[in-house]
Each structure stands twice: as structure tokens, then as C-alpha cells.
Amino acid sequence: MTGKEFIQYDPLTEVKLKRHIWLTEKQAAEYLNVSPSMLAKNRCYKRGVELIPFVKMSGRCIRYSRLQLDTWLETQLQAFNEVQEK
């Protein structure tokens, strides 16, 4: 990943705040270790929990929040583990 990450703290509690870091489609694909075309197909055909969260800022401008990607990955991992336990 390129770019600097800034850590933001709550001034009253001095607790680190979770902050959205926005990734391009290419960066998100690298982060998830998939192809950009897989992300495009996911946006077109998947629904519900299978849909990887994204934001469409304009016709061609798609962004992915790294925080939401991490949450989605955790959900997928939990669902996979539940299936494996059965």
C-alpha cells in the first residue's frame, strides 16, 4: 500500500479511533489478493453477505474502505468456520 496512514485519537479518552482508509479498486484487489475483475464481478452479481462493501463515488470512481474490508473478511471467516464445524 502506498500513502501514509494517520492515527487519530479521541481527545478526551486518548483512545485510538478507527478511521476509514479508502482504497482504489486496484489497491483493494491487492489487499484481498484477488483480481480487479473479480471485484467488478462481485459488485455486479453478488448480494447480501457475499457482496464486498464498496462506495460508488461517480460512474467510474469506486472506492473500498479498508475497515469495511477487514470486517467483511472476518464475517466470511466466521461463516467458513461454522460450515467446517458441522
Protein backbone atom coordinates (compact mmCIF):
# COMPACT_ATOMS: atom_id res chain seq x y z
CA MET A 1 0.00 0.00 0.00
CA THR A 2 1.15 3.47 -0.71
CA GLY A 3 0.33 6.57 1.22
CA LYS A 4 0.64 7.43 4.85
CA GLU A 5 -1.76 6.28 7.50
CA PHE A 6 -2.69 8.82 10.12
CA ILE A 7 -3.59 7.71 13.62
CA GLN A 8 -6.37 9.73 15.16
CA TYR A 9 -7.10 9.80 18.89
CA ASP A 10 -10.17 10.87 20.84
CA PRO A 11 -9.01 14.00 22.67
CA LEU A 12 -10.96 13.14 25.84
CA THR A 13 -10.16 9.45 26.25
CA GLU A 14 -6.94 9.28 24.20
CA VAL A 15 -8.29 6.08 22.62
CA LYS A 16 -7.25 5.32 19.06
CA LEU A 17 -10.17 5.91 16.68
CA LYS A 18 -10.94 3.56 13.83
CA ARG A 19 -10.67 5.53 10.64
CA HIS A 20 -11.63 4.68 7.09
CA ILE A 21 -8.71 4.41 4.72
CA TRP A 22 -10.08 4.47 1.20
CA LEU A 23 -8.57 2.16 -1.41
CA THR A 24 -8.90 2.18 -5.18
CA GLU A 25 -10.15 -0.96 -6.91
CA LYS A 26 -6.57 -1.96 -7.73
CA GLN A 27 -5.39 -1.39 -4.15
CA ALA A 28 -8.37 -3.31 -2.74
CA ALA A 29 -7.67 -6.20 -5.12
CA GLU A 30 -4.04 -6.30 -3.97
CA TYR A 31 -5.15 -6.14 -0.32
CA LEU A 32 -7.58 -9.06 -0.78
CA ASN A 33 -5.22 -10.92 -3.11
CA VAL A 34 -7.79 -11.10 -5.91
CA SER A 35 -8.02 -9.57 -9.39
CA PRO A 36 -9.73 -6.22 -10.04
CA SER A 37 -12.10 -8.05 -12.41
CA MET A 38 -13.19 -10.31 -9.53
CA LEU A 39 -14.15 -7.19 -7.56
CA ALA A 40 -16.09 -5.87 -10.57
CA LYS A 41 -17.96 -9.17 -10.92
CA ASN A 42 -18.69 -9.16 -7.20
CA ARG A 43 -20.23 -5.69 -7.48
CA CYS A 44 -22.45 -6.80 -10.39
CA TYR A 45 -23.60 -10.24 -9.31
CA LYS A 46 -23.32 -10.73 -5.54
CA ARG A 47 -25.87 -9.71 -2.93
CA GLY A 48 -26.16 -9.87 0.85
CA VAL A 49 -23.20 -11.05 2.91
CA GLU A 50 -21.31 -12.19 -0.22
CA LEU A 51 -21.14 -8.61 -1.53
CA ILE A 52 -17.80 -6.95 -0.80
CA PRO A 53 -18.67 -3.45 0.56
CA PHE A 54 -17.82 -0.54 -1.74
CA VAL A 55 -18.73 3.07 -2.40
CA LYS A 56 -19.50 4.36 -5.89
CA MET A 57 -18.46 8.00 -5.92
CA SER A 58 -19.23 8.53 -9.61
CA GLY A 59 -19.74 6.46 -12.73
CA ARG A 60 -16.21 5.07 -12.73
CA CYS A 61 -14.88 6.04 -9.31
CA ILE A 62 -15.18 3.04 -6.96
CA ARG A 63 -13.59 3.04 -3.50
CA TYR A 64 -13.27 0.40 -0.81
CA SER A 65 -12.88 1.14 2.90
CA ARG A 66 -10.11 -0.95 4.42
CA LEU A 67 -12.01 -1.01 7.71
CA GLN A 68 -15.09 -2.42 5.95
CA LEU A 69 -12.96 -4.93 4.02
CA ASP A 70 -11.49 -6.19 7.30
CA THR A 71 -14.98 -6.53 8.80
CA TRP A 72 -16.22 -8.36 5.68
CA LEU A 73 -13.26 -10.74 5.82
CA GLU A 74 -13.96 -11.53 9.49
CA THR A 75 -17.61 -12.28 8.64
CA GLN A 76 -16.56 -14.58 5.79
CA LEU A 77 -14.07 -16.37 8.03
CA GLN A 78 -16.69 -16.91 10.75
CA ALA A 79 -19.17 -18.30 8.21
CA PHE A 80 -16.50 -20.63 6.81
CA ASN A 81 -15.59 -21.88 10.29
CA GLU A 82 -19.26 -22.54 11.12
CA VAL A 83 -19.63 -24.64 7.96
CA GLN A 84 -16.45 -26.58 8.78
CA GLU A 85 -17.71 -27.39 12.30
CA LYS A 86 -20.91 -29.00 11.01
